Amino acid sequence: MLGWWIGAIAFVVVAAAVVIFNELVAARNQVRAAWSDIDVQLTRRHDLVPQLVAAVRGYADYERATLTTLTELRSRAVSAASLADKAEAEGELARQIDRILALQERYPDLKASENFLALQRELVEIEDHLQYARRFYNGAVRDLNTKIETFPALIVARALAFRPAEFFRSGTEQEAPT
C-alpha cells in the first residue's frame, strides 16, 4: 500500500514538472516570437532610412552632417550585437529621424514633396507598429521572467537552465525610480 502512495506522489510530481516545463517553453517561445515582431518593424524602419535620406538630400545639402549621422546610426543599429546596444542605437536613430522630419519646417518644398510625405506617413505607421511590438515583447518577457522566478516553476527553470529574458528599452525611455 505504501508503494502505491509513493508511486502516485512520484507520478504527480513528474506530471507537474512536465506541465511547468511546457509552460516555460511556451513562454520562452512567446518571447522569441515577440522579438521577431520587433525585428520586422526595425528592419522596415532601417529600409526606410535610405529613402528618407535621399528625399531630404536634394533639399538640404548643408544638412549633410545630419544625414550622415542618420546613415551611420542605421548601420550601428543593424549591426548591434546585444539587446542593450540595439536598444541604445535604436533610441538614437529615432531621435535623429525626428530631426530629419523637423527639416520640413525649414524647407517648404520638402514639406510639399509627395515622396517625403509618403515616407513620413510610412515612418509614422512603422513607429506605431514598433511601439505595439515593443509593448507585446516586454509583456512576454515579464510573463516568462515571472514564471522563472516563482515557486514551484523556479525549481524546474533552474534545473533546466531557463534564463530570464531582457526587456527592450528604446533608449528614449527613462528608468523607473528605485
C-alpha atoms as a PDB file:
ATOM      1  CA  MET A   1       0.000   0.000   0.000  1.00  0.00           C
ATOM      2  CA  LEU A   2       2.843   2.387   0.856  1.00  0.00           C
ATOM      3  CA  GLY A   3       4.465   1.655  -2.518  1.00  0.00           C
ATOM      4  CA  TRP A   4       1.280   2.681  -4.271  1.00  0.00           C
ATOM      5  CA  TRP A   5       1.239   6.050  -2.475  1.00  0.00           C
ATOM      6  CA  ILE A   6       4.877   6.694  -3.254  1.00  0.00           C
ATOM      7  CA  GLY A   7       4.243   5.840  -6.901  1.00  0.00           C
ATOM      8  CA  ALA A   8       1.218   8.157  -7.015  1.00  0.00           C
ATOM      9  CA  ILE A   9       3.163  11.015  -5.433  1.00  0.00           C
ATOM     10  CA  ALA A  10       6.072  10.475  -7.838  1.00  0.00           C
ATOM     11  CA  PHE A  11       3.641  10.496 -10.769  1.00  0.00           C
ATOM     12  CA  VAL A  12       2.061  13.775  -9.595  1.00  0.00           C
ATOM     13  CA  VAL A  13       5.499  15.387  -9.137  1.00  0.00           C
ATOM     14  CA  VAL A  14       6.664  14.282 -12.600  1.00  0.00           C
ATOM     15  CA  ALA A  15       3.381  15.356 -14.194  1.00  0.00           C
ATOM     16  CA  ALA A  16       3.628  18.780 -12.510  1.00  0.00           C
ATOM     17  CA  ALA A  17       7.236  19.154 -13.695  1.00  0.00           C
ATOM     18  CA  VAL A  18       6.180  18.325 -17.268  1.00  0.00           C
ATOM     19  CA  VAL A  19       3.338  20.855 -17.151  1.00  0.00           C
ATOM     20  CA  ILE A  20       5.647  23.527 -15.730  1.00  0.00           C
ATOM     21  CA  PHE A  21       8.311  22.747 -18.339  1.00  0.00           C
ATOM     22  CA  ASN A  22       5.752  23.071 -21.129  1.00  0.00           C
ATOM     23  CA  GLU A  23       4.566  26.420 -19.754  1.00  0.00           C
ATOM     24  CA  LEU A  24       8.159  27.682 -19.578  1.00  0.00           C
ATOM     25  CA  VAL A  25       8.851  26.585 -23.149  1.00  0.00           C
ATOM     26  CA  ALA A  26       5.645  28.261 -24.330  1.00  0.00           C
ATOM     27  CA  ALA A  27       6.597  31.493 -22.533  1.00  0.00           C
ATOM     28  CA  ARG A  28      10.136  31.396 -23.973  1.00  0.00           C
ATOM     29  CA  ASN A  29       8.731  30.844 -27.468  1.00  0.00           C
ATOM     30  CA  GLN A  30       6.323  33.755 -26.952  1.00  0.00           C
ATOM     31  CA  VAL A  31       9.309  35.986 -26.135  1.00  0.00           C
ATOM     32  CA  ARG A  32      11.111  34.795 -29.272  1.00  0.00           C
ATOM     33  CA  ALA A  33       8.043  35.408 -31.439  1.00  0.00           C
ATOM     34  CA  ALA A  34       7.548  38.851 -29.902  1.00  0.00           C
ATOM     35  CA  TRP A  35      11.195  39.719 -30.582  1.00  0.00           C
ATOM     36  CA  SER A  36      10.693  38.636 -34.163  1.00  0.00           C
ATOM     37  CA  ASP A  37       7.833  41.147 -34.456  1.00  0.00           C
ATOM     38  CA  ILE A  38      10.104  43.932 -33.176  1.00  0.00           C
ATOM     39  CA  ASP A  39      12.843  42.846 -35.551  1.00  0.00           C
ATOM     40  CA  VAL A  40      10.458  43.041 -38.519  1.00  0.00           C
ATOM     41  CA  GLN A  41       9.463  46.612 -37.628  1.00  0.00           C
ATOM     42  CA  LEU A  42      13.080  47.637 -37.049  1.00  0.00           C
ATOM     43  CA  THR A  43      14.005  46.193 -40.441  1.00  0.00           C
ATOM     44  CA  ARG A  44      11.170  48.137 -42.063  1.00  0.00           C
ATOM     45  CA  ARG A  45      12.427  51.309 -40.403  1.00  0.00           C
ATOM     46  CA  HIS A  46      16.017  50.552 -41.428  1.00  0.00           C
ATOM     47  CA  ASP A  47      14.876  50.035 -45.024  1.00  0.00           C
ATOM     48  CA  LEU A  48      13.076  53.375 -44.961  1.00  0.00           C
ATOM     49  CA  VAL A  49      16.059  55.411 -43.742  1.00  0.00           C
ATOM     50  CA  PRO A  50      17.964  55.473 -47.079  1.00  0.00           C
ATOM     51  CA  GLN A  51      14.801  56.586 -48.880  1.00  0.00           C
ATOM     52  CA  LEU A  52      14.245  59.313 -46.302  1.00  0.00           C
ATOM     53  CA  VAL A  53      17.853  60.463 -46.629  1.00  0.00           C
ATOM     54  CA  ALA A  54      17.550  60.553 -50.431  1.00  0.00           C
ATOM     55  CA  ALA A  55      14.307  62.545 -50.258  1.00  0.00           C
ATOM     56  CA  VAL A  56      15.831  65.128 -47.927  1.00  0.00           C
ATOM     57  CA  ARG A  57      19.294  65.301 -49.555  1.00  0.00           C
ATOM     58  CA  GLY A  58      18.088  67.254 -52.574  1.00  0.00           C
ATOM     59  CA  TYR A  59      16.500  69.937 -50.400  1.00  0.00           C
ATOM     60  CA  ALA A  60      19.105  70.296 -47.698  1.00  0.00           C
ATOM     61  CA  ASP A  61      22.658  69.953 -48.918  1.00  0.00           C
ATOM     62  CA  TYR A  62      24.051  71.801 -45.946  1.00  0.00           C
ATOM     63  CA  GLU A  63      22.257  69.361 -43.591  1.00  0.00           C
ATOM     64  CA  ARG A  64      24.741  66.730 -44.765  1.00  0.00           C
ATOM     65  CA  ALA A  65      26.065  66.095 -41.231  1.00  0.00           C
ATOM     66  CA  THR A  66      22.577  65.171 -40.042  1.00  0.00           C
ATOM     67  CA  LEU A  67      22.075  62.846 -42.994  1.00  0.00           C
ATOM     68  CA  THR A  68      25.492  61.233 -42.476  1.00  0.00           C
ATOM     69  CA  THR A  69      24.768  60.701 -38.787  1.00  0.00           C
ATOM     70  CA  LEU A  70      21.418  59.126 -39.646  1.00  0.00           C
ATOM     71  CA  THR A  71      23.068  56.711 -42.069  1.00  0.00           C
ATOM     72  CA  GLU A  72      25.774  55.796 -39.529  1.00  0.00           C
ATOM     73  CA  LEU A  73      23.188  55.215 -36.798  1.00  0.00           C
ATOM     74  CA  ARG A  74      21.237  52.948 -39.123  1.00  0.00           C
ATOM     75  CA  SER A  75      24.353  50.844 -39.716  1.00  0.00           C
ATOM     76  CA  ARG A  76      25.108  50.737 -35.993  1.00  0.00           C
ATOM     77  CA  ALA A  77      21.544  49.696 -35.172  1.00  0.00           C
ATOM     78  CA  VAL A  78      21.566  46.935 -37.787  1.00  0.00           C
ATOM     79  CA  SER A  79      24.867  45.511 -36.554  1.00  0.00           C
ATOM     80  CA  ALA A  80      24.277  45.831 -32.786  1.00  0.00           C
ATOM     81  CA  ALA A  81      25.093  42.557 -31.061  1.00  0.00           C
ATOM     82  CA  SER A  82      23.369  42.801 -27.692  1.00  0.00           C
ATOM     83  CA  LEU A  83      19.815  43.828 -26.915  1.00  0.00           C
ATOM     84  CA  ALA A  84      21.067  46.771 -24.827  1.00  0.00           C
ATOM     85  CA  ASP A  85      23.292  48.025 -27.673  1.00  0.00           C
ATOM     86  CA  LYS A  86      20.458  47.607 -30.171  1.00  0.00           C
ATOM     87  CA  ALA A  87      18.042  49.483 -27.897  1.00  0.00           C
ATOM     88  CA  GLU A  88      20.507  52.349 -27.432  1.00  0.00           C
ATOM     89  CA  ALA A  89      21.220  52.591 -31.160  1.00  0.00           C
ATOM     90  CA  GLU A  90      17.515  52.450 -31.996  1.00  0.00           C
ATOM     91  CA  GLY A  91      16.793  55.239 -29.499  1.00  0.00           C
ATOM     92  CA  GLU A  92      19.446  57.441 -31.090  1.00  0.00           C
ATOM     93  CA  LEU A  93      18.152  56.542 -34.549  1.00  0.00           C
ATOM     94  CA  ALA A  94      14.605  57.521 -33.562  1.00  0.00           C
ATOM     95  CA  ARG A  95      15.819  60.903 -32.252  1.00  0.00           C
ATOM     96  CA  GLN A  96      17.760  61.524 -35.469  1.00  0.00           C
ATOM     97  CA  ILE A  97      14.742  60.602 -37.602  1.00  0.00           C
ATOM     98  CA  ASP A  98      12.718  63.143 -35.622  1.00  0.00           C
ATOM     99  CA  ARG A  99      15.349  65.769 -36.510  1.00  0.00           C
ATOM    100  CA  ILE A 100      15.081  64.861 -40.195  1.00  0.00           C
ATOM    101  CA  LEU A 101      11.307  65.129 -40.085  1.00  0.00           C
ATOM    102  CA  ALA A 102      11.647  68.540 -38.437  1.00  0.00           C
ATOM    103  CA  LEU A 103      13.548  69.772 -41.506  1.00  0.00           C
ATOM    104  CA  GLN A 104      10.275  70.093 -43.360  1.00  0.00           C
ATOM    105  CA  GLU A 105       9.590  73.253 -41.359  1.00  0.00           C
ATOM    106  CA  ARG A 106      12.717  74.887 -42.823  1.00  0.00           C
ATOM    107  CA  TYR A 107      12.073  73.728 -46.368  1.00  0.00           C
ATOM    108  CA  PRO A 108       8.558  74.401 -47.682  1.00  0.00           C
ATOM    109  CA  ASP A 109       9.335  72.500 -50.899  1.00  0.00           C
ATOM    110  CA  LEU A 110      10.258  69.448 -48.839  1.00  0.00           C
ATOM    111  CA  LYS A 111       7.034  69.757 -46.856  1.00  0.00           C
ATOM    112  CA  ALA A 112       5.088  69.759 -50.140  1.00  0.00           C
ATOM    113  CA  SER A 113       7.036  66.834 -51.632  1.00  0.00           C
ATOM    114  CA  GLU A 114       4.696  63.897 -52.149  1.00  0.00           C
ATOM    115  CA  ASN A 115       7.609  61.464 -51.819  1.00  0.00           C
ATOM    116  CA  PHE A 116       8.637  62.956 -48.461  1.00  0.00           C
ATOM    117  CA  LEU A 117       5.060  62.984 -47.193  1.00  0.00           C
ATOM    118  CA  ALA A 118       4.593  59.329 -48.194  1.00  0.00           C
ATOM    119  CA  LEU A 119       7.820  58.387 -46.411  1.00  0.00           C
ATOM    120  CA  GLN A 120       6.729  60.369 -43.363  1.00  0.00           C
ATOM    121  CA  ARG A 121       3.355  58.576 -43.238  1.00  0.00           C
ATOM    122  CA  GLU A 122       5.050  55.204 -43.619  1.00  0.00           C
ATOM    123  CA  LEU A 123       7.512  56.056 -40.870  1.00  0.00           C
ATOM    124  CA  VAL A 124       4.707  57.051 -38.509  1.00  0.00           C
ATOM    125  CA  GLU A 125       2.962  53.754 -39.273  1.00  0.00           C
ATOM    126  CA  ILE A 126       6.151  51.798 -38.607  1.00  0.00           C
ATOM    127  CA  GLU A 127       6.702  53.641 -35.319  1.00  0.00           C
ATOM    128  CA  ASP A 128       3.143  52.782 -34.238  1.00  0.00           C
ATOM    129  CA  HIS A 129       3.683  49.109 -35.069  1.00  0.00           C
ATOM    130  CA  LEU A 130       7.059  49.179 -33.339  1.00  0.00           C
ATOM    131  CA  GLN A 131       5.566  50.650 -30.193  1.00  0.00           C
ATOM    132  CA  TYR A 132       2.923  47.902 -30.124  1.00  0.00           C
ATOM    133  CA  ALA A 133       5.525  45.190 -30.812  1.00  0.00           C
ATOM    134  CA  ARG A 134       7.757  46.566 -28.047  1.00  0.00           C
ATOM    135  CA  ARG A 135       4.880  46.504 -25.538  1.00  0.00           C
ATOM    136  CA  PHE A 136       3.958  42.959 -26.586  1.00  0.00           C
ATOM    137  CA  TYR A 137       7.573  41.790 -26.315  1.00  0.00           C
ATOM    138  CA  ASN A 138       8.057  43.361 -22.887  1.00  0.00           C
ATOM    139  CA  GLY A 139       4.808  41.748 -21.714  1.00  0.00           C
ATOM    140  CA  ALA A 140       6.032  38.359 -22.921  1.00  0.00           C
ATOM    141  CA  VAL A 141       9.373  38.943 -21.166  1.00  0.00           C
ATOM    142  CA  ARG A 142       7.548  39.901 -17.975  1.00  0.00           C
ATOM    143  CA  ASP A 143       5.465  36.722 -18.126  1.00  0.00           C
ATOM    144  CA  LEU A 144       8.494  34.495 -18.769  1.00  0.00           C
ATOM    145  CA  ASN A 145      10.566  36.133 -16.048  1.00  0.00           C
ATOM    146  CA  THR A 146       7.692  35.852 -13.568  1.00  0.00           C
ATOM    147  CA  LYS A 147       7.332  32.137 -14.309  1.00  0.00           C
ATOM    148  CA  ILE A 148      11.059  31.578 -13.948  1.00  0.00           C
ATOM    149  CA  GLU A 149      11.163  33.394 -10.604  1.00  0.00           C
ATOM    150  CA  THR A 150       8.071  31.946  -8.910  1.00  0.00           C
ATOM    151  CA  PHE A 151       7.717  28.730  -6.976  1.00  0.00           C
ATOM    152  CA  PRO A 152       7.441  25.881  -7.984  1.00  0.00           C
ATOM    153  CA  ALA A 153       8.410  26.763 -11.562  1.00  0.00           C
ATOM    154  CA  LEU A 154      11.746  28.181 -10.430  1.00  0.00           C
ATOM    155  CA  ILE A 155      12.847  24.672  -9.438  1.00  0.00           C
ATOM    156  CA  VAL A 156      12.197  23.340 -12.932  1.00  0.00           C
ATOM    157  CA  ALA A 157      13.573  26.514 -14.559  1.00  0.00           C
ATOM    158  CA  ARG A 158      16.854  26.338 -12.643  1.00  0.00           C
ATOM    159  CA  ALA A 159      17.225  22.609 -13.213  1.00  0.00           C
ATOM    160  CA  LEU A 160      16.718  23.056 -16.969  1.00  0.00           C
ATOM    161  CA  ALA A 161      18.772  26.291 -17.280  1.00  0.00           C
ATOM    162  CA  PHE A 162      15.963  28.672 -18.233  1.00  0.00           C
ATOM    163  CA  ARG A 163      17.244  32.239 -18.062  1.00  0.00           C
ATOM    164  CA  PRO A 164      15.319  35.482 -17.658  1.00  0.00           C
ATOM    165  CA  ALA A 165      14.894  37.478 -20.859  1.00  0.00           C
ATOM    166  CA  GLU A 166      15.964  41.088 -21.215  1.00  0.00           C
ATOM    167  CA  PHE A 167      13.413  43.880 -21.559  1.00  0.00           C
ATOM    168  CA  PHE A 168      13.639  46.102 -24.628  1.00  0.00           C
ATOM    169  CA  ARG A 169      14.104  49.731 -23.738  1.00  0.00           C
ATOM    170  CA  SER A 170      14.190  52.037 -26.721  1.00  0.00           C
ATOM    171  CA  GLY A 171      16.829  54.348 -25.317  1.00  0.00           C
ATOM    172  CA  THR A 172      14.292  57.167 -25.121  1.00  0.00           C
ATOM    173  CA  GLU A 173      12.566  55.811 -22.051  1.00  0.00           C
ATOM    174  CA  GLN A 174      13.506  56.824 -18.545  1.00  0.00           C
ATOM    175  CA  GLU A 175      14.336  54.261 -15.900  1.00  0.00           C
ATOM    176  CA  ALA A 176      11.743  53.905 -13.169  1.00  0.00           C
ATOM    177  CA  PRO A 177      12.831  55.435  -9.869  1.00  0.00           C
ATOM    178  CA  THR A 178      14.144  52.966  -7.304  1.00  0.00           C
END
